[in-house]
């Protein structure tokens, strides 16, 4: 199967460079277009406690959230543009997109609307209760998109058998 449109979904994790490089390598071999994508989460750190919001605090909180989202969006645009320039410099037709919201559904929607035939994304290695509570974007994508998927294993998702042997 020859891939024509490759969607690579990245975040700010340590695995992002490896995920991008894998997608870029495939795009070069297949002479495919590349879409670099990032999704900003709705929740942001450092915005205060919801329980403290009454009257004026609610308005201040909304302004704080809006400003924080504007700054994060600006940083994400610059970051994605740098990935785009790197790929374009290696002869790969590349574009980027950034959305705000749920990453799983945003990746699914973009893959469908853009016509991706391969999605490349990372896996952080959440297991057990953490995966149940926080969810797994890679798991969601596997079950909700019609195209091929390459999941690049992250640094934290590899099982270290030597640590288990030392404990015995």
C-alpha atoms as a PDB file:
ATOM      1  CA  UNK A   1       0.000   0.000   0.000  1.00  0.00           C
ATOM      2  CA  UNK A   2       1.320   3.433  -0.917  1.00  0.00           C
ATOM      3  CA  UNK A   3       0.545   6.265   1.467  1.00  0.00           C
ATOM      4  CA  UNK A   4      -0.312   9.658  -0.009  1.00  0.00           C
ATOM      5  CA  UNK A   5      -1.373  11.658   3.059  1.00  0.00           C
ATOM      6  CA  UNK A   6       0.240  11.137   6.443  1.00  0.00           C
ATOM      7  CA  UNK A   7      -1.115  12.818   9.557  1.00  0.00           C
ATOM      8  CA  UNK A   8       1.371  13.036  12.419  1.00  0.00           C
ATOM      9  CA  UNK A   9      -0.085  13.995  15.809  1.00  0.00           C
ATOM     10  CA  UNK A  10       2.419  15.380  18.285  1.00  0.00           C
ATOM     11  CA  UNK A  11       2.346  16.868  21.747  1.00  0.00           C
ATOM     12  CA  UNK A  12       5.056  18.317  23.977  1.00  0.00           C
ATOM     13  CA  UNK A  13       6.180  14.940  25.316  1.00  0.00           C
ATOM     14  CA  UNK A  14       9.769  13.697  24.958  1.00  0.00           C
ATOM     15  CA  UNK A  15       8.529  11.236  22.316  1.00  0.00           C
ATOM     16  CA  UNK A  16       7.312  13.928  19.892  1.00  0.00           C
ATOM     17  CA  UNK A  17      10.582  14.233  17.986  1.00  0.00           C
ATOM     18  CA  UNK A  18      10.761  10.462  17.448  1.00  0.00           C
ATOM     19  CA  UNK A  19       7.119  10.381  16.306  1.00  0.00           C
ATOM     20  CA  UNK A  20       7.718  13.245  13.871  1.00  0.00           C
ATOM     21  CA  UNK A  21      10.947  11.701  12.511  1.00  0.00           C
ATOM     22  CA  UNK A  22       9.170   8.383  11.901  1.00  0.00           C
ATOM     23  CA  UNK A  23       6.374  10.135   9.987  1.00  0.00           C
ATOM     24  CA  UNK A  24       8.870  12.228   8.018  1.00  0.00           C
ATOM     25  CA  UNK A  25      10.880   9.152   7.037  1.00  0.00           C
ATOM     26  CA  UNK A  26       7.766   7.395   5.746  1.00  0.00           C
ATOM     27  CA  UNK A  27       6.586  10.531   3.923  1.00  0.00           C
ATOM     28  CA  UNK A  28       9.946  10.818   2.123  1.00  0.00           C
ATOM     29  CA  UNK A  29       9.948   7.129   1.097  1.00  0.00           C
ATOM     30  CA  UNK A  30       6.324   7.217  -0.046  1.00  0.00           C
ATOM     31  CA  UNK A  31       6.523  10.707  -1.589  1.00  0.00           C
ATOM     32  CA  UNK A  32       3.501  11.557   0.566  1.00  0.00           C
ATOM     33  CA  UNK A  33       2.141  14.824   1.926  1.00  0.00           C
ATOM     34  CA  UNK A  34       2.498  15.406   5.641  1.00  0.00           C
ATOM     35  CA  UNK A  35       0.120  17.112   8.056  1.00  0.00           C
ATOM     36  CA  UNK A  36       1.663  17.992  11.443  1.00  0.00           C
ATOM     37  CA  UNK A  37      -1.036  18.315  14.096  1.00  0.00           C
ATOM     38  CA  UNK A  38      -1.256  19.368  17.730  1.00  0.00           C
ATOM     39  CA  UNK A  39      -4.293  19.687  19.976  1.00  0.00           C
ATOM     40  CA  UNK A  40      -4.328  22.099  22.892  1.00  0.00           C
ATOM     41  CA  UNK A  41      -6.265  20.720  25.854  1.00  0.00           C
ATOM     42  CA  UNK A  42      -9.175  22.707  27.251  1.00  0.00           C
ATOM     43  CA  UNK A  43      -7.868  22.502  30.797  1.00  0.00           C
ATOM     44  CA  UNK A  44      -4.755  24.522  31.565  1.00  0.00           C
ATOM     45  CA  UNK A  45      -2.459  24.555  34.557  1.00  0.00           C
ATOM     46  CA  UNK A  46      -2.092  27.524  36.858  1.00  0.00           C
ATOM     47  CA  UNK A  47      -5.498  29.059  36.295  1.00  0.00           C
ATOM     48  CA  UNK A  48      -6.677  28.930  39.905  1.00  0.00           C
ATOM     49  CA  UNK A  49      -9.211  26.868  41.823  1.00  0.00           C
ATOM     50  CA  UNK A  50     -12.787  26.594  40.573  1.00  0.00           C
ATOM     51  CA  UNK A  51     -14.106  26.728  44.133  1.00  0.00           C
ATOM     52  CA  UNK A  52     -12.769  30.281  44.576  1.00  0.00           C
ATOM     53  CA  UNK A  53     -14.760  31.732  41.693  1.00  0.00           C
ATOM     54  CA  UNK A  54     -17.532  34.116  42.659  1.00  0.00           C
ATOM     55  CA  UNK A  55     -18.503  37.288  40.845  1.00  0.00           C
ATOM     56  CA  UNK A  56     -15.380  39.251  39.942  1.00  0.00           C
ATOM     57  CA  UNK A  57     -13.151  36.191  40.355  1.00  0.00           C
ATOM     58  CA  UNK A  58     -15.155  34.420  37.647  1.00  0.00           C
ATOM     59  CA  UNK A  59     -14.559  37.289  35.208  1.00  0.00           C
ATOM     60  CA  UNK A  60     -10.854  37.406  36.142  1.00  0.00           C
ATOM     61  CA  UNK A  61     -10.638  33.651  35.702  1.00  0.00           C
ATOM     62  CA  UNK A  62     -12.197  33.859  32.216  1.00  0.00           C
ATOM     63  CA  UNK A  63      -9.710  36.572  31.187  1.00  0.00           C
ATOM     64  CA  UNK A  64      -6.825  34.565  32.616  1.00  0.00           C
ATOM     65  CA  UNK A  65      -7.924  31.436  30.733  1.00  0.00           C
ATOM     66  CA  UNK A  66      -8.360  33.388  27.498  1.00  0.00           C
ATOM     67  CA  UNK A  67      -4.905  34.971  27.767  1.00  0.00           C
ATOM     68  CA  UNK A  68      -3.272  31.665  28.689  1.00  0.00           C
ATOM     69  CA  UNK A  69      -4.927  29.949  25.701  1.00  0.00           C
ATOM     70  CA  UNK A  70      -3.795  32.759  23.387  1.00  0.00           C
ATOM     71  CA  UNK A  71      -0.185  32.371  24.541  1.00  0.00           C
ATOM     72  CA  UNK A  72      -0.288  28.572  24.274  1.00  0.00           C
ATOM     73  CA  UNK A  73      -1.788  28.810  20.767  1.00  0.00           C
ATOM     74  CA  UNK A  74       0.931  31.226  19.679  1.00  0.00           C
ATOM     75  CA  UNK A  75       3.676  28.937  21.021  1.00  0.00           C
ATOM     76  CA  UNK A  76       2.065  25.911  19.362  1.00  0.00           C
ATOM     77  CA  UNK A  77       1.898  27.698  15.998  1.00  0.00           C
ATOM     78  CA  UNK A  78       5.605  28.549  16.150  1.00  0.00           C
ATOM     79  CA  UNK A  79       6.472  25.010  17.251  1.00  0.00           C
ATOM     80  CA  UNK A  80       4.395  23.401  14.483  1.00  0.00           C
ATOM     81  CA  UNK A  81       5.797  25.801  11.868  1.00  0.00           C
ATOM     82  CA  UNK A  82       9.332  24.694  12.816  1.00  0.00           C
ATOM     83  CA  UNK A  83       8.400  21.033  12.217  1.00  0.00           C
ATOM     84  CA  UNK A  84       6.783  22.055   8.935  1.00  0.00           C
ATOM     85  CA  UNK A  85       9.922  23.927   7.807  1.00  0.00           C
ATOM     86  CA  UNK A  86      12.106  20.926   8.639  1.00  0.00           C
ATOM     87  CA  UNK A  87       9.969  18.576   6.532  1.00  0.00           C
ATOM     88  CA  UNK A  88       9.620  21.060   3.671  1.00  0.00           C
ATOM     89  CA  UNK A  89      13.393  21.501   3.709  1.00  0.00           C
ATOM     90  CA  UNK A  90      13.701  17.755   3.088  1.00  0.00           C
ATOM     91  CA  UNK A  91      11.372  17.910   0.092  1.00  0.00           C
ATOM     92  CA  UNK A  92       8.139  16.806   1.761  1.00  0.00           C
ATOM     93  CA  UNK A  93       5.002  18.812   1.039  1.00  0.00           C
ATOM     94  CA  UNK A  94       3.920  19.726   4.571  1.00  0.00           C
ATOM     95  CA  UNK A  95       1.254  21.721   6.332  1.00  0.00           C
ATOM     96  CA  UNK A  96       0.201  21.981   9.952  1.00  0.00           C
ATOM     97  CA  UNK A  97      -2.931  22.462  12.009  1.00  0.00           C
ATOM     98  CA  UNK A  98      -3.709  23.150  15.648  1.00  0.00           C
ATOM     99  CA  UNK A  99      -7.056  22.755  17.433  1.00  0.00           C
ATOM    100  CA  UNK A 100      -8.344  23.190  20.969  1.00  0.00           C
ATOM    101  CA  UNK A 101     -10.297  20.402  22.648  1.00  0.00           C
ATOM    102  CA  UNK A 102     -10.253  16.645  22.906  1.00  0.00           C
ATOM    103  CA  UNK A 103      -7.208  15.276  21.067  1.00  0.00           C
ATOM    104  CA  UNK A 104      -8.749  11.940  20.086  1.00  0.00           C
ATOM    105  CA  UNK A 105     -11.805  13.369  18.367  1.00  0.00           C
ATOM    106  CA  UNK A 106      -9.775  16.228  16.835  1.00  0.00           C
ATOM    107  CA  UNK A 107      -7.326  13.751  15.266  1.00  0.00           C
ATOM    108  CA  UNK A 108     -10.220  11.604  14.036  1.00  0.00           C
ATOM    109  CA  UNK A 109     -12.017  14.589  12.506  1.00  0.00           C
ATOM    110  CA  UNK A 110      -8.893  15.943  10.823  1.00  0.00           C
ATOM    111  CA  UNK A 111      -7.950  12.518   9.458  1.00  0.00           C
ATOM    112  CA  UNK A 112     -11.424  12.217   7.916  1.00  0.00           C
ATOM    113  CA  UNK A 113     -11.653  15.763   6.522  1.00  0.00           C
ATOM    114  CA  UNK A 114      -8.078  15.844   5.195  1.00  0.00           C
ATOM    115  CA  UNK A 115      -8.278  12.311   3.799  1.00  0.00           C
ATOM    116  CA  UNK A 116      -5.314  10.847   5.687  1.00  0.00           C
ATOM    117  CA  UNK A 117      -4.435   7.274   4.798  1.00  0.00           C
ATOM    118  CA  UNK A 118      -1.905   6.921   7.645  1.00  0.00           C
ATOM    119  CA  UNK A 119      -1.838   8.421  11.138  1.00  0.00           C
ATOM    120  CA  UNK A 120       1.416   8.405  13.091  1.00  0.00           C
ATOM    121  CA  UNK A 121       1.213   9.110  16.813  1.00  0.00           C
ATOM    122  CA  UNK A 122       2.955   8.267  20.030  1.00  0.00           C
ATOM    123  CA  UNK A 123       1.989   6.217  23.023  1.00  0.00           C
ATOM    124  CA  UNK A 124       2.962   7.259  26.511  1.00  0.00           C
ATOM    125  CA  UNK A 125       2.395   3.873  28.066  1.00  0.00           C
ATOM    126  CA  UNK A 126      -0.421   4.576  30.488  1.00  0.00           C
ATOM    127  CA  UNK A 127      -1.744   1.376  31.991  1.00  0.00           C
ATOM    128  CA  UNK A 128      -4.321   0.231  34.467  1.00  0.00           C
ATOM    129  CA  UNK A 129      -6.165   2.828  36.497  1.00  0.00           C
ATOM    130  CA  UNK A 130      -4.250   5.725  34.940  1.00  0.00           C
ATOM    131  CA  UNK A 131      -5.414   4.691  31.452  1.00  0.00           C
ATOM    132  CA  UNK A 132      -8.987   4.203  32.658  1.00  0.00           C
ATOM    133  CA  UNK A 133      -9.107   7.637  34.304  1.00  0.00           C
ATOM    134  CA  UNK A 134      -7.071   9.633  31.784  1.00  0.00           C
ATOM    135  CA  UNK A 135      -7.909   7.653  28.684  1.00  0.00           C
ATOM    136  CA  UNK A 136      -5.644   6.719  25.852  1.00  0.00           C
ATOM    137  CA  UNK A 137      -5.587   8.802  22.701  1.00  0.00           C
ATOM    138  CA  UNK A 138      -3.850   6.057  20.742  1.00  0.00           C
ATOM    139  CA  UNK A 139      -6.482   3.529  21.847  1.00  0.00           C
ATOM    140  CA  UNK A 140      -9.274   5.913  20.837  1.00  0.00           C
ATOM    141  CA  UNK A 141      -7.701   6.448  17.407  1.00  0.00           C
ATOM    142  CA  UNK A 142      -7.297   2.711  16.798  1.00  0.00           C
ATOM    143  CA  UNK A 143     -11.030   2.247  17.341  1.00  0.00           C
ATOM    144  CA  UNK A 144     -12.385   5.361  15.588  1.00  0.00           C
ATOM    145  CA  UNK A 145     -10.505   6.008  12.332  1.00  0.00           C
ATOM    146  CA  UNK A 146     -10.790   4.145   9.037  1.00  0.00           C
ATOM    147  CA  UNK A 147      -7.146   4.475   7.922  1.00  0.00           C
ATOM    148  CA  UNK A 148      -3.863   2.785   8.854  1.00  0.00           C
ATOM    149  CA  UNK A 149      -2.207   3.765  12.130  1.00  0.00           C
ATOM    150  CA  UNK A 150       1.400   3.636  13.266  1.00  0.00           C
ATOM    151  CA  UNK A 151       1.862   3.967  17.012  1.00  0.00           C
ATOM    152  CA  UNK A 152       5.416   4.861  17.978  1.00  0.00           C
ATOM    153  CA  UNK A 153       6.205   3.442  21.405  1.00  0.00           C
ATOM    154  CA  UNK A 154       7.296   6.081  23.868  1.00  0.00           C
ATOM    155  CA  UNK A 155      10.184   6.098  26.272  1.00  0.00           C
ATOM    156  CA  UNK A 156       7.931   5.373  29.269  1.00  0.00           C
ATOM    157  CA  UNK A 157       5.913   2.654  27.551  1.00  0.00           C
ATOM    158  CA  UNK A 158       8.783   0.189  27.193  1.00  0.00           C
ATOM    159  CA  UNK A 159       8.843  -2.572  29.766  1.00  0.00           C
ATOM    160  CA  UNK A 160      12.165  -2.794  31.557  1.00  0.00           C
ATOM    161  CA  UNK A 161      12.671  -6.478  32.384  1.00  0.00           C
ATOM    162  CA  UNK A 162      16.073  -5.834  33.951  1.00  0.00           C
ATOM    163  CA  UNK A 163      14.433  -3.808  36.730  1.00  0.00           C
ATOM    164  CA  UNK A 164      12.137  -6.752  37.461  1.00  0.00           C
ATOM    165  CA  UNK A 165      15.080  -9.157  37.630  1.00  0.00           C
ATOM    166  CA  UNK A 166      16.970  -6.925  40.069  1.00  0.00           C
ATOM    167  CA  UNK A 167      14.012  -6.880  42.451  1.00  0.00           C
ATOM    168  CA  UNK A 168      13.942 -10.672  42.742  1.00  0.00           C
END
